[in-house]
């Protein structure tokens, strides 16, 4: 049986869960005072930091779910996303609209990646 490792854990959630060679990251958001592009950059910088902590990188992305508070932000978010994803390493991805935890949040990024 493979073990499950949890990092940065509190009563509600873990920022990183590792099962075998697969990493699952909690949803990452940006500074709610920023616009959509800067919130996306903030969230992706947090993803980078968690991937590094867990022994991975954006070249190892498997799947990403992106929630936008308003699909009108799709193009602006994608401009940042497209610059962030390494060429040839795009993950399976879904993007939809959802009411986020704080009304000032515009984007939340959820990532699964391979370790190593």
N, C-alpha and C. Protein backbone atom coordinates (compact mmCIF):
# COMPACT_ATOMS: atom_id res chain seq x y z
N UNK A 1 0.84 -1.19 0.00
CA UNK A 1 0.00 0.00 0.00
C UNK A 1 0.89 1.25 0.00
N UNK A 2 0.61 2.17 -0.90
CA UNK A 2 1.38 3.41 -0.96
C UNK A 2 0.94 4.35 0.16
N UNK A 3 1.90 5.04 0.70
CA UNK A 3 1.58 6.00 1.75
C UNK A 3 1.06 7.28 1.13
N UNK A 4 0.37 8.04 1.95
CA UNK A 4 -0.11 9.37 1.57
C UNK A 4 0.61 10.36 2.47
N UNK A 5 1.29 11.30 1.85
CA UNK A 5 2.05 12.33 2.57
C UNK A 5 1.31 13.65 2.42
N UNK A 6 1.13 14.35 3.53
CA UNK A 6 0.45 15.65 3.52
C UNK A 6 1.42 16.72 4.02
N UNK A 7 1.47 17.84 3.31
CA UNK A 7 2.36 18.94 3.69
C UNK A 7 1.54 20.22 3.87
N UNK A 8 2.03 21.07 4.76
CA UNK A 8 1.35 22.34 5.08
C UNK A 8 -0.12 22.05 5.39
N UNK A 9 -0.32 21.23 6.39
CA UNK A 9 -1.65 20.74 6.75
C UNK A 9 -2.21 21.49 7.94
N UNK A 10 -3.50 21.78 7.88
CA UNK A 10 -4.23 22.28 9.05
C UNK A 10 -5.52 21.46 9.16
N UNK A 11 -6.41 21.85 10.02
CA UNK A 11 -7.64 21.09 10.25
C UNK A 11 -8.49 20.97 8.99
N UNK A 12 -8.46 21.99 8.14
CA UNK A 12 -9.34 22.05 6.97
C UNK A 12 -8.75 21.40 5.72
N UNK A 13 -7.43 21.59 5.51
CA UNK A 13 -6.86 21.14 4.24
C UNK A 13 -5.35 21.05 4.31
N UNK A 14 -4.79 20.41 3.29
CA UNK A 14 -3.35 20.36 3.08
C UNK A 14 -3.05 21.12 1.79
N UNK A 15 -1.95 21.85 1.78
CA UNK A 15 -1.57 22.55 0.55
C UNK A 15 -1.03 21.58 -0.49
N UNK A 16 -0.39 20.48 -0.02
CA UNK A 16 0.18 19.47 -0.91
C UNK A 16 -0.19 18.10 -0.36
N UNK A 17 -0.67 17.22 -1.23
CA UNK A 17 -0.86 15.82 -0.88
C UNK A 17 -0.10 15.01 -1.93
N UNK A 18 0.73 14.08 -1.44
CA UNK A 18 1.52 13.23 -2.33
C UNK A 18 1.06 11.79 -2.15
N UNK A 19 0.72 11.14 -3.26
CA UNK A 19 0.36 9.73 -3.27
C UNK A 19 1.16 9.08 -4.38
N UNK A 20 2.08 8.21 -4.02
CA UNK A 20 2.97 7.65 -5.02
C UNK A 20 3.82 8.76 -5.62
N UNK A 21 3.80 8.88 -6.92
CA UNK A 21 4.55 9.93 -7.59
C UNK A 21 3.64 11.04 -8.12
N UNK A 22 2.43 11.14 -7.55
CA UNK A 22 1.48 12.16 -7.98
C UNK A 22 1.28 13.18 -6.86
N UNK A 23 1.33 14.46 -7.23
CA UNK A 23 1.10 15.57 -6.30
C UNK A 23 -0.25 16.19 -6.59
N UNK A 24 -0.95 16.51 -5.53
CA UNK A 24 -2.22 17.22 -5.63
C UNK A 24 -2.06 18.49 -4.82
N UNK A 25 -2.28 19.63 -5.46
CA UNK A 25 -2.16 20.91 -4.76
C UNK A 25 -3.54 21.47 -4.47
N UNK A 26 -3.66 22.12 -3.31
CA UNK A 26 -4.88 22.85 -2.99
C UNK A 26 -5.03 24.01 -3.96
N UNK A 27 -6.22 24.51 -4.10
CA UNK A 27 -6.47 25.66 -4.98
C UNK A 27 -5.65 26.86 -4.53
N UNK A 28 -5.02 27.52 -5.49
CA UNK A 28 -4.19 28.69 -5.21
C UNK A 28 -4.82 29.93 -5.80
N UNK A 29 -4.80 31.00 -5.04
CA UNK A 29 -5.38 32.27 -5.45
C UNK A 29 -4.33 33.37 -5.32
N UNK A 30 -4.66 34.53 -5.84
CA UNK A 30 -3.77 35.67 -5.76
C UNK A 30 -4.27 36.70 -4.76
N UNK A 31 -3.59 37.81 -4.73
CA UNK A 31 -3.98 38.92 -3.86
C UNK A 31 -5.29 39.49 -4.37
N UNK A 32 -6.35 39.48 -3.53
CA UNK A 32 -7.66 39.95 -4.00
C UNK A 32 -7.70 41.43 -4.38
N UNK A 33 -6.66 42.18 -4.01
CA UNK A 33 -6.63 43.60 -4.39
C UNK A 33 -6.10 43.81 -5.81
N UNK A 34 -5.59 42.74 -6.41
CA UNK A 34 -5.02 42.84 -7.75
C UNK A 34 -6.06 42.57 -8.83
N UNK A 35 -5.73 42.96 -10.07
CA UNK A 35 -6.59 42.67 -11.22
C UNK A 35 -6.43 41.20 -11.62
N UNK A 36 -7.17 40.75 -12.60
CA UNK A 36 -7.16 39.34 -12.98
C UNK A 36 -5.78 38.87 -13.43
N UNK A 37 -5.07 39.67 -14.20
CA UNK A 37 -3.74 39.25 -14.67
C UNK A 37 -2.79 39.07 -13.49
N UNK A 38 -2.78 40.02 -12.57
CA UNK A 38 -1.88 39.93 -11.42
C UNK A 38 -2.32 38.83 -10.45
N UNK A 39 -3.63 38.63 -10.28
CA UNK A 39 -4.08 37.52 -9.45
C UNK A 39 -3.65 36.18 -10.05
N UNK A 40 -3.71 36.07 -11.36
CA UNK A 40 -3.26 34.84 -12.03
C UNK A 40 -1.78 34.64 -11.82
N UNK A 41 -0.97 35.70 -11.99
CA UNK A 41 0.47 35.60 -11.76
C UNK A 41 0.76 35.18 -10.32
N UNK A 42 0.05 35.80 -9.36
CA UNK A 42 0.23 35.45 -7.94
C UNK A 42 -0.08 33.97 -7.71
N UNK A 43 -1.21 33.51 -8.21
CA UNK A 43 -1.62 32.12 -8.01
C UNK A 43 -0.59 31.17 -8.62
N UNK A 44 -0.12 31.48 -9.82
CA UNK A 44 0.85 30.60 -10.49
C UNK A 44 2.20 30.63 -9.78
N UNK A 45 2.58 31.75 -9.20
CA UNK A 45 3.81 31.81 -8.41
C UNK A 45 3.68 30.92 -7.17
N UNK A 46 2.51 30.88 -6.58
CA UNK A 46 2.27 29.99 -5.44
C UNK A 46 2.32 28.53 -5.88
N UNK A 47 1.76 28.23 -7.04
CA UNK A 47 1.85 26.88 -7.59
C UNK A 47 3.32 26.50 -7.78
N UNK A 48 4.11 27.39 -8.39
CA UNK A 48 5.54 27.13 -8.59
C UNK A 48 6.23 26.79 -7.27
N UNK A 49 5.97 27.57 -6.23
CA UNK A 49 6.61 27.37 -4.93
C UNK A 49 6.22 26.01 -4.32
N UNK A 50 4.94 25.65 -4.42
CA UNK A 50 4.49 24.36 -3.88
C UNK A 50 5.06 23.20 -4.69
N UNK A 51 5.10 23.32 -6.01
CA UNK A 51 5.69 22.28 -6.83
C UNK A 51 7.16 22.07 -6.47
N UNK A 52 7.89 23.15 -6.31
CA UNK A 52 9.30 23.05 -5.94
C UNK A 52 9.45 22.37 -4.58
N UNK A 53 8.64 22.79 -3.62
CA UNK A 53 8.70 22.21 -2.28
C UNK A 53 8.47 20.69 -2.32
N UNK A 54 7.58 20.25 -3.21
CA UNK A 54 7.22 18.84 -3.30
C UNK A 54 8.11 18.05 -4.27
N UNK A 55 9.10 18.70 -4.87
CA UNK A 55 10.01 18.00 -5.76
C UNK A 55 9.51 17.88 -7.18
N UNK A 56 8.83 18.90 -7.66
CA UNK A 56 8.31 18.88 -9.03
C UNK A 56 8.49 20.25 -9.67
N UNK A 57 7.88 20.41 -10.83
CA UNK A 57 7.97 21.69 -11.54
C UNK A 57 6.82 21.77 -12.54
N UNK A 58 6.68 22.91 -13.16
CA UNK A 58 5.59 23.07 -14.13
C UNK A 58 5.76 22.20 -15.36
N UNK A 59 6.96 21.71 -15.63
CA UNK A 59 7.16 20.78 -16.73
C UNK A 59 6.54 19.41 -16.44
N UNK A 60 6.13 19.17 -15.19
CA UNK A 60 5.58 17.88 -14.76
C UNK A 60 4.07 17.95 -14.51
N UNK A 61 3.42 19.03 -14.95
CA UNK A 61 1.98 19.18 -14.75
C UNK A 61 1.22 18.06 -15.46
N UNK A 62 0.21 17.55 -14.79
CA UNK A 62 -0.65 16.53 -15.37
C UNK A 62 -2.02 17.09 -15.71
N UNK A 63 -2.61 17.80 -14.74
CA UNK A 63 -3.98 18.30 -14.92
C UNK A 63 -4.13 19.59 -14.12
N UNK A 64 -4.90 20.50 -14.68
CA UNK A 64 -5.18 21.77 -14.01
C UNK A 64 -6.66 22.10 -14.17
N UNK A 65 -7.25 22.58 -13.08
CA UNK A 65 -8.60 23.14 -13.12
C UNK A 65 -8.49 24.60 -12.72
N UNK A 66 -9.06 25.46 -13.53
CA UNK A 66 -9.04 26.89 -13.26
C UNK A 66 -10.47 27.38 -13.10
N UNK A 67 -10.74 28.01 -11.98
CA UNK A 67 -12.05 28.63 -11.75
C UNK A 67 -11.91 30.14 -11.87
N UNK A 68 -12.78 30.72 -12.67
CA UNK A 68 -12.84 32.17 -12.81
C UNK A 68 -14.14 32.67 -12.20
N UNK A 69 -14.08 33.80 -11.53
CA UNK A 69 -15.30 34.39 -10.98
C UNK A 69 -16.19 34.89 -12.11
N UNK A 70 -15.58 35.22 -13.25
CA UNK A 70 -16.32 35.74 -14.40
C UNK A 70 -15.60 35.31 -15.67
N UNK A 71 -16.28 34.61 -16.55
CA UNK A 71 -15.65 34.14 -17.78
C UNK A 71 -15.21 35.29 -18.68
N UNK A 72 -15.65 36.51 -18.39
CA UNK A 72 -15.16 37.67 -19.13
C UNK A 72 -13.65 37.85 -18.93
N UNK A 73 -13.09 37.24 -17.86
CA UNK A 73 -11.65 37.32 -17.58
C UNK A 73 -10.84 36.23 -18.28
N UNK A 74 -11.49 35.39 -19.08
CA UNK A 74 -10.85 34.24 -19.71
C UNK A 74 -9.62 34.64 -20.52
N UNK A 75 -9.74 35.63 -21.38
CA UNK A 75 -8.62 36.03 -22.25
C UNK A 75 -7.45 36.58 -21.44
N UNK A 76 -7.74 37.42 -20.46
CA UNK A 76 -6.67 38.01 -19.64
C UNK A 76 -5.95 36.94 -18.82
N UNK A 77 -6.71 35.99 -18.27
CA UNK A 77 -6.10 34.90 -17.52
C UNK A 77 -5.25 34.05 -18.46
N UNK A 78 -5.79 33.72 -19.65
CA UNK A 78 -5.05 32.89 -20.60
C UNK A 78 -3.76 33.53 -21.07
N UNK A 79 -3.72 34.83 -21.18
CA UNK A 79 -2.49 35.52 -21.59
C UNK A 79 -1.37 35.23 -20.58
N UNK A 80 -1.70 35.26 -19.30
CA UNK A 80 -0.72 34.96 -18.25
C UNK A 80 -0.41 33.47 -18.26
N UNK A 81 -1.44 32.65 -18.32
CA UNK A 81 -1.27 31.19 -18.31
C UNK A 81 -0.37 30.74 -19.46
N UNK A 82 -0.64 31.23 -20.68
CA UNK A 82 0.11 30.80 -21.85
C UNK A 82 1.59 31.14 -21.73
N UNK A 83 1.91 32.27 -21.10
CA UNK A 83 3.31 32.65 -20.90
C UNK A 83 3.97 31.80 -19.81
N UNK A 84 3.17 31.26 -18.89
CA UNK A 84 3.70 30.49 -17.75
C UNK A 84 3.96 29.03 -18.10
N UNK A 85 3.10 28.41 -18.92
CA UNK A 85 3.23 26.99 -19.23
C UNK A 85 4.39 26.79 -20.21
N UNK A 86 5.35 25.92 -19.87
CA UNK A 86 6.47 25.68 -20.78
C UNK A 86 5.98 25.04 -22.08
N UNK A 87 6.54 25.45 -23.17
CA UNK A 87 6.18 24.89 -24.48
C UNK A 87 6.32 23.38 -24.46
N UNK A 88 5.30 22.70 -24.95
CA UNK A 88 5.32 21.25 -25.02
C UNK A 88 4.93 20.55 -23.72
N UNK A 89 4.55 21.30 -22.69
CA UNK A 89 4.23 20.71 -21.39
C UNK A 89 2.85 21.11 -20.89
N UNK A 90 1.95 21.45 -21.78
CA UNK A 90 0.60 21.85 -21.36
C UNK A 90 -0.12 20.65 -20.73
N UNK A 91 -0.74 20.84 -19.56
CA UNK A 91 -1.47 19.75 -18.92
C UNK A 91 -2.87 19.60 -19.51
N UNK A 92 -3.55 18.52 -19.14
CA UNK A 92 -4.99 18.47 -19.38
C UNK A 92 -5.58 19.61 -18.55
N UNK A 93 -6.54 20.34 -19.10
CA UNK A 93 -7.01 21.53 -18.39
C UNK A 93 -8.50 21.72 -18.57
N UNK A 94 -9.13 22.20 -17.50
CA UNK A 94 -10.52 22.63 -17.56
C UNK A 94 -10.58 24.02 -16.96
N UNK A 95 -11.50 24.83 -17.46
CA UNK A 95 -11.68 26.18 -16.94
C UNK A 95 -13.17 26.47 -16.93
N UNK A 96 -13.65 26.96 -15.81
CA UNK A 96 -15.07 27.28 -15.71
C UNK A 96 -15.29 28.47 -14.79
N UNK A 97 -16.54 28.85 -14.71
CA UNK A 97 -16.92 29.98 -13.87
C UNK A 97 -17.52 29.46 -12.57
N UNK A 98 -17.12 30.09 -11.46
CA UNK A 98 -17.63 29.68 -10.15
C UNK A 98 -17.58 30.86 -9.19
N UNK A 99 -18.46 30.84 -8.25
CA UNK A 99 -18.42 31.83 -7.17
C UNK A 99 -17.28 31.41 -6.25
N UNK A 100 -16.28 32.26 -6.07
CA UNK A 100 -15.12 31.94 -5.24
C UNK A 100 -15.36 32.38 -3.79
N UNK A 101 -14.49 31.92 -2.89
CA UNK A 101 -14.68 32.11 -1.45
C UNK A 101 -14.76 33.58 -1.04
N UNK A 102 -14.02 34.44 -1.72
CA UNK A 102 -14.00 35.88 -1.44
C UNK A 102 -14.46 36.58 -2.72
N UNK A 103 -15.45 37.45 -2.65
CA UNK A 103 -15.94 38.11 -3.87
C UNK A 103 -14.87 38.90 -4.63
N UNK A 104 -13.77 39.27 -3.96
CA UNK A 104 -12.71 40.01 -4.64
C UNK A 104 -11.76 39.10 -5.42
N UNK A 105 -11.84 37.79 -5.17
CA UNK A 105 -11.00 36.85 -5.91
C UNK A 105 -11.55 36.67 -7.31
N UNK A 106 -10.65 36.65 -8.29
CA UNK A 106 -11.04 36.52 -9.70
C UNK A 106 -10.69 35.16 -10.28
N UNK A 107 -9.71 34.44 -9.66
CA UNK A 107 -9.21 33.18 -10.22
C UNK A 107 -8.70 32.27 -9.12
N UNK A 108 -8.90 30.96 -9.31
CA UNK A 108 -8.33 29.93 -8.44
C UNK A 108 -7.79 28.83 -9.34
N UNK A 109 -6.57 28.37 -9.05
CA UNK A 109 -5.89 27.38 -9.87
C UNK A 109 -5.62 26.13 -9.03
N UNK A 110 -6.05 24.97 -9.54
CA UNK A 110 -5.88 23.69 -8.87
C UNK A 110 -5.03 22.81 -9.79
N UNK A 111 -3.98 22.20 -9.24
CA UNK A 111 -3.01 21.49 -10.05
C UNK A 111 -2.74 20.08 -9.51
N UNK A 112 -2.58 19.14 -10.44
CA UNK A 112 -2.02 17.82 -10.15
C UNK A 112 -0.75 17.72 -11.01
N UNK A 113 0.30 17.14 -10.42
CA UNK A 113 1.57 17.03 -11.15
C UNK A 113 2.27 15.74 -10.76
N UNK A 114 3.22 15.33 -11.59
CA UNK A 114 4.05 14.18 -11.29
C UNK A 114 5.26 14.67 -10.48
N UNK A 115 5.66 13.85 -9.55
CA UNK A 115 6.84 14.16 -8.74
C UNK A 115 8.08 13.74 -9.52
N UNK A 116 9.18 14.42 -9.26
CA UNK A 116 10.45 14.00 -9.86
C UNK A 116 10.95 14.97 -10.88
